[in-house]
Amino acid sequence: MQILNGKTIAEEIRQEITTEVAALKAEKGIVPCLAALIVGDDPASHIYVNNKEKACQQVGIESRILRLPGDTVTSSLLKHIEQCNADPSVHGILVQLPLPPSCDEQQILDAIDPGKDVDAFHPENVGLLSQGRPRFLPCTPHGVQQILLRSGIPTTGQHVVVVGRSDIVGKPMALMMVQKSAGADSTVTVVHSRTKNLADLTRQADILVVAIGRAKFVTGEMVKPGAVVVDVGINRLPDGKICGDVDFDTVKDVAGAVSPVPGGVGPLTITMLLQNTLAAARSAKK
């Protein structure tokens, strides 16, 4: 059984990004810049943003963090986004989710310049992805795809079952895996909490991508022997331990390959954000 080590793959990609950032700076004098806006005091969100800031520093990308109080309203946050949109030195913009009830999440995300939308949440970027000509690939699904590609796992003609239908992972993952491209060309099924006979469908998967947001939801009996299982979930148990949406202990005895939590998809998510920021800087209007 193969362990899909996302941490090692992330380090490999970050080394590539570091080289490319240095080359962009040397050739064109451009330093990629990521602006992150965070509202409120959610501890997990602050950890994520701090991790993104550290990751930027490691590869030579400039990071600007704007921390706003929890009572920030939509109109105020929109003004900050407009400033980032208009600033030519800012190449990528992300708004850390979740936002407090005082902010209209959809309105906020829609206000980001699509050319700076490095999370790929803007409807224009979602539309481009659906047509197979993406400006940016969504970070977590792209991380999953890189794990498959760099682990030498074939995807062409394979049956990929995606467990979960979120706008952040499930839907874009399905869109990406059905495209005519490397690491894709798959036959895709999406299942979710309302799917009938869900386990019957997961057992058909050659590649099972699990992003349903429920701790240890997929067990060994739901997996076809020899299947590749990629666990996107991250959950904190009552005892404080972290686990994924896959019951690793039972699945590892059935699967041919499985990604662990932590150390699987997680490190790739921020890495692909860095790659998108680099791409945005390369294509920025002078």
Protein backbone atom coordinates (compact mmCIF):
# COMPACT_ATOMS: atom_id res chain seq x y z
CA MET A 1 0.00 0.00 0.00
CA GLN A 2 1.40 3.35 -1.12
CA ILE A 3 1.27 6.41 1.16
CA LEU A 4 0.68 9.56 -0.90
CA ASN A 5 3.05 11.98 0.79
CA GLY A 6 1.71 15.45 0.09
CA LYS A 7 4.34 17.10 2.23
CA THR A 8 7.21 15.84 0.07
CA ILE A 9 5.40 16.79 -3.14
CA ALA A 10 4.62 20.26 -1.77
CA GLU A 11 8.30 20.83 -0.94
CA GLU A 12 9.26 19.78 -4.46
CA ILE A 13 6.80 22.22 -6.05
CA ARG A 14 7.82 25.04 -3.71
CA GLN A 15 11.43 24.64 -4.79
CA GLU A 16 10.28 25.01 -8.39
CA ILE A 17 8.26 28.12 -7.49
CA THR A 18 11.24 29.66 -5.64
CA THR A 19 13.35 29.31 -8.79
CA GLU A 20 10.63 30.77 -11.01
CA VAL A 21 9.96 33.72 -8.66
CA ALA A 22 13.66 34.57 -8.64
CA ALA A 23 13.77 34.37 -12.45
CA LEU A 24 10.74 36.68 -12.79
CA LYS A 25 12.36 39.21 -10.47
CA ALA A 26 15.68 39.05 -12.32
CA GLU A 27 14.20 39.24 -15.83
CA LYS A 28 11.34 41.69 -15.36
CA GLY A 29 11.82 43.22 -11.92
CA ILE A 30 8.47 41.85 -10.76
CA VAL A 31 8.02 40.50 -7.24
CA PRO A 32 4.74 38.53 -6.97
CA CYS A 33 2.55 39.88 -4.18
CA LEU A 34 -0.34 38.21 -2.37
CA ALA A 35 -2.80 40.28 -0.33
CA ALA A 36 -4.82 38.38 2.28
CA LEU A 37 -7.80 39.88 4.08
CA ILE A 38 -9.00 38.30 7.31
CA VAL A 39 -12.02 39.42 9.33
CA GLY A 40 -12.51 38.60 13.00
CA ASP A 41 -10.68 36.45 15.53
CA ASP A 42 -11.34 32.88 14.39
CA PRO A 43 -8.24 31.01 15.64
CA ALA A 44 -8.16 28.52 12.78
CA SER A 45 -8.40 31.30 10.18
CA HIS A 46 -5.50 33.16 11.76
CA ILE A 47 -3.40 29.98 11.74
CA TYR A 48 -4.16 29.48 8.04
CA VAL A 49 -3.26 33.06 7.17
CA ASN A 50 -0.05 32.92 9.18
CA ASN A 51 0.90 29.71 7.38
CA LYS A 52 0.25 31.39 4.03
CA GLU A 53 2.42 34.32 5.07
CA LYS A 54 5.30 31.98 6.01
CA ALA A 55 4.92 30.04 2.78
CA CYS A 56 5.14 33.26 0.75
CA GLN A 57 8.35 34.24 2.53
CA GLN A 58 9.88 30.83 1.81
CA VAL A 59 9.48 31.17 -1.97
CA GLY A 60 10.18 34.90 -2.29
CA ILE A 61 6.60 36.11 -2.72
CA GLU A 62 5.62 39.31 -0.93
CA SER A 63 2.63 38.96 1.40
CA ARG A 64 0.41 41.69 2.76
CA ILE A 65 -1.99 40.72 5.53
CA LEU A 66 -4.92 42.98 6.38
CA ARG A 67 -6.53 41.98 9.68
CA LEU A 68 -9.96 43.55 10.19
CA PRO A 69 -12.21 43.52 13.28
CA GLY A 70 -15.05 41.03 13.59
CA ASP A 71 -17.73 43.72 13.24
CA THR A 72 -16.50 44.73 9.76
CA VAL A 73 -19.45 45.10 7.36
CA THR A 74 -19.70 44.26 3.68
CA SER A 75 -19.30 47.84 2.43
CA SER A 76 -16.09 48.33 4.41
CA LEU A 77 -14.55 45.07 3.21
CA LEU A 78 -15.50 45.91 -0.37
CA LYS A 79 -13.52 49.16 -0.14
CA HIS A 80 -10.42 47.26 0.90
CA ILE A 81 -10.90 44.84 -2.00
CA GLU A 82 -11.30 47.76 -4.42
CA GLN A 83 -7.99 49.16 -3.19
CA CYS A 84 -6.26 45.83 -3.80
CA ASN A 85 -7.89 45.51 -7.21
CA ALA A 86 -6.56 48.93 -8.19
CA ASP A 87 -3.04 48.40 -6.82
CA PRO A 88 -0.77 47.16 -9.63
CA SER A 89 1.78 45.87 -7.11
CA VAL A 90 -0.80 43.38 -5.77
CA HIS A 91 -1.10 40.34 -8.02
CA GLY A 92 -3.20 37.96 -5.94
CA ILE A 93 -6.06 38.60 -3.52
CA LEU A 94 -7.65 36.18 -1.11
CA VAL A 95 -10.33 36.65 1.49
CA GLN A 96 -9.99 34.15 4.32
CA LEU A 97 -13.21 32.20 4.85
CA PRO A 98 -15.45 31.90 6.73
CA LEU A 99 -16.56 35.50 7.01
CA PRO A 100 -18.71 36.75 9.93
CA PRO A 101 -22.47 37.22 9.39
CA SER A 102 -21.91 40.97 8.94
CA CYS A 103 -20.26 40.30 5.56
CA ASP A 104 -21.99 38.99 2.43
CA GLU A 105 -19.60 36.24 1.38
CA GLN A 106 -20.80 35.90 -2.21
CA GLN A 107 -20.78 39.65 -2.82
CA ILE A 108 -17.27 39.88 -1.41
CA LEU A 109 -15.85 37.04 -3.50
CA ASP A 110 -17.53 38.36 -6.64
CA ALA A 111 -15.88 41.76 -6.11
CA ILE A 112 -12.33 40.43 -6.46
CA ASP A 113 -10.71 41.16 -9.83
CA PRO A 114 -10.86 37.79 -11.66
CA GLY A 115 -7.25 38.30 -12.76
CA LYS A 116 -6.22 38.48 -9.08
CA ASP A 117 -8.61 35.79 -7.82
CA VAL A 118 -5.94 33.25 -6.87
CA ASP A 119 -8.46 31.11 -4.96
CA ALA A 120 -10.39 30.73 -8.26
CA PHE A 121 -13.76 31.38 -6.61
CA HIS A 122 -14.95 34.16 -8.95
CA PRO A 123 -17.75 33.03 -11.31
CA GLU A 124 -15.69 34.10 -14.32
CA ASN A 125 -12.88 31.78 -13.27
CA VAL A 126 -15.31 28.96 -12.49
CA GLY A 127 -16.77 29.40 -15.98
CA LEU A 128 -13.34 29.30 -17.61
CA LEU A 129 -12.54 26.12 -15.71
CA SER A 130 -15.77 24.49 -16.87
CA GLN A 131 -14.78 25.24 -20.48
CA GLY A 132 -11.36 23.68 -20.03
CA ARG A 133 -9.41 26.93 -20.32
CA PRO A 134 -8.73 27.91 -16.71
CA ARG A 135 -6.99 31.12 -15.71
CA PHE A 136 -6.27 29.60 -12.29
CA LEU A 137 -6.94 26.12 -10.95
CA PRO A 138 -8.67 25.98 -7.54
CA CYS A 139 -5.99 25.34 -4.93
CA THR A 140 -7.18 22.22 -3.11
CA PRO A 141 -8.40 20.30 -6.19
CA HIS A 142 -5.18 21.26 -7.96
CA GLY A 143 -3.26 19.88 -4.98
CA VAL A 144 -5.13 16.59 -5.32
CA GLN A 145 -4.32 16.48 -9.02
CA GLN A 146 -0.62 17.14 -8.35
CA ILE A 147 -0.53 14.30 -5.81
CA LEU A 148 -1.90 11.95 -8.47
CA LEU A 149 0.41 13.21 -11.22
CA ARG A 150 3.60 13.26 -9.19
CA SER A 151 2.88 9.91 -7.56
CA GLY A 152 2.63 8.32 -10.99
CA ILE A 153 -1.03 7.38 -10.64
CA PRO A 154 -2.77 7.05 -14.03
CA THR A 155 -6.04 8.94 -14.43
CA THR A 156 -6.92 8.47 -18.11
CA GLY A 157 -10.06 6.38 -18.40
CA GLN A 158 -10.19 5.81 -14.66
CA HIS A 159 -13.44 6.10 -12.72
CA VAL A 160 -13.06 8.96 -10.26
CA VAL A 161 -15.71 9.23 -7.55
CA VAL A 162 -15.77 12.55 -5.71
CA VAL A 163 -17.46 12.44 -2.30
CA GLY A 164 -18.77 15.94 -1.63
CA ARG A 165 -20.17 18.74 -3.78
CA SER A 166 -18.81 21.96 -2.27
CA ASP A 167 -17.87 24.92 -4.44
CA ILE A 168 -14.36 24.82 -2.95
CA VAL A 169 -13.49 21.16 -3.55
CA GLY A 170 -16.17 18.78 -4.83
CA LYS A 171 -17.53 20.64 -7.85
CA PRO A 172 -14.21 21.99 -9.18
CA MET A 173 -12.54 18.62 -8.57
CA ALA A 174 -15.13 16.96 -10.79
CA LEU A 175 -14.71 19.66 -13.46
CA MET A 176 -10.94 19.24 -13.48
CA MET A 177 -10.87 15.44 -13.64
CA VAL A 178 -13.21 15.29 -16.64
CA GLN A 179 -11.10 17.66 -18.77
CA LYS A 180 -8.88 16.65 -21.68
CA SER A 181 -5.58 17.22 -19.90
CA ALA A 182 -2.75 15.60 -17.99
CA GLY A 183 -3.86 14.19 -14.69
CA ALA A 184 -7.46 14.06 -15.89
CA ASP A 185 -9.32 12.41 -18.83
CA SER A 186 -11.33 10.52 -16.23
CA THR A 187 -14.90 9.32 -15.95
CA VAL A 188 -16.35 11.22 -12.99
CA THR A 189 -19.17 10.54 -10.53
CA VAL A 190 -20.09 13.00 -7.77
CA VAL A 191 -21.81 11.67 -4.65
CA HIS A 192 -22.94 13.58 -1.58
CA SER A 193 -25.00 13.42 1.61
CA ARG A 194 -28.26 12.91 -0.30
CA THR A 195 -26.96 10.19 -2.61
CA LYS A 196 -28.81 6.87 -2.41
CA ASN A 197 -26.67 3.76 -1.95
CA LEU A 198 -23.57 5.93 -1.64
CA ALA A 199 -21.28 3.04 -0.63
CA ASP A 200 -22.24 1.12 -3.78
CA LEU A 201 -20.87 4.01 -5.84
CA THR A 202 -17.71 4.59 -3.82
CA ARG A 203 -16.85 0.89 -4.26
CA GLN A 204 -16.82 1.46 -8.03
CA ALA A 205 -14.08 4.08 -7.83
CA ASP A 206 -10.61 3.52 -9.21
CA ILE A 207 -9.76 6.87 -7.60
CA LEU A 208 -11.82 8.05 -4.61
CA VAL A 209 -11.54 11.72 -3.60
CA VAL A 210 -13.21 12.36 -0.25
CA ALA A 211 -14.22 15.90 0.76
CA ILE A 212 -17.50 15.60 2.64
CA GLY A 213 -16.51 17.22 5.94
CA ARG A 214 -17.31 14.28 8.22
CA ALA A 215 -14.66 12.64 10.36
CA LYS A 216 -13.75 9.08 9.26
CA PHE A 217 -16.83 8.95 7.00
CA VAL A 218 -15.35 6.58 4.41
CA THR A 219 -14.45 3.19 5.85
CA GLY A 220 -12.62 0.24 4.37
CA GLU A 221 -15.84 -1.53 3.36
CA MET A 222 -16.69 1.46 1.12
CA VAL A 223 -13.48 1.14 -0.92
CA LYS A 224 -12.72 -1.13 -3.86
CA PRO A 225 -9.61 -3.28 -3.26
CA GLY A 226 -6.58 -1.58 -4.79
CA ALA A 227 -8.28 1.82 -5.26
CA VAL A 228 -6.46 5.12 -4.80
CA VAL A 229 -8.00 7.14 -1.95
CA VAL A 230 -7.30 10.86 -1.54
CA ASP A 231 -8.55 12.34 1.73
CA VAL A 232 -9.24 16.09 1.55
CA GLY A 233 -10.96 16.35 4.93
CA ILE A 234 -9.55 17.76 8.14
CA ASN A 235 -11.46 17.33 11.38
CA ARG A 236 -10.60 17.76 15.04
CA LEU A 237 -11.76 14.94 17.30
CA PRO A 238 -12.95 15.45 20.90
CA ASP A 239 -9.53 14.31 22.16
CA GLY A 240 -7.89 17.08 20.11
CA LYS A 241 -6.40 14.79 17.46
CA ILE A 242 -6.69 15.63 13.76
CA CYS A 243 -8.23 13.17 11.31
CA GLY A 244 -9.56 13.19 7.78
CA ASP A 245 -12.86 12.21 6.19
CA VAL A 246 -11.39 8.73 5.64
CA ASP A 247 -11.03 6.12 8.36
CA PHE A 248 -7.34 5.58 7.62
CA ASP A 249 -6.93 2.49 9.80
CA THR A 250 -9.55 0.45 7.93
CA VAL A 251 -8.97 1.91 4.47
CA LYS A 252 -5.21 1.30 4.41
CA ASP A 253 -5.83 -2.46 4.49
CA VAL A 254 -7.96 -2.27 1.33
CA ALA A 255 -6.65 0.61 -0.80
CA GLY A 256 -3.69 0.47 -3.14
CA ALA A 257 -2.72 4.02 -2.18
CA VAL A 258 -4.03 6.52 0.35
CA SER A 259 -3.18 10.05 1.46
CA PRO A 260 -2.76 10.64 5.20
CA VAL A 261 -4.19 13.43 7.35
CA PRO A 262 -2.20 15.42 8.24
CA GLY A 263 0.56 15.37 5.64
CA GLY A 264 -1.51 14.64 2.54
CA VAL A 265 -3.51 17.24 0.62
CA GLY A 266 -3.11 20.01 3.21
CA PRO A 267 0.45 21.11 2.33
CA LEU A 268 -0.49 21.23 -1.36
CA THR A 269 -3.37 23.70 -0.90
CA ILE A 270 -1.12 26.60 0.12
CA THR A 271 1.51 25.54 -2.40
CA MET A 272 -0.93 25.80 -5.30
CA LEU A 273 -2.00 29.22 -3.97
CA LEU A 274 1.62 30.31 -4.33
CA GLN A 275 1.69 28.94 -7.87
CA ASN A 276 -1.46 30.88 -8.76
CA THR A 277 0.05 34.07 -7.33
CA LEU A 278 3.13 33.55 -9.49
CA ALA A 279 0.93 32.99 -12.55
CA ALA A 280 -1.04 36.16 -11.75
CA ALA A 281 2.16 38.17 -11.50
CA ARG A 282 3.35 36.84 -14.86
CA SER A 283 0.15 37.87 -16.61
CA ALA A 284 -0.40 41.17 -14.76
CA LYS A 285 -1.05 44.27 -16.83
CA LYS A 286 1.81 46.72 -16.69
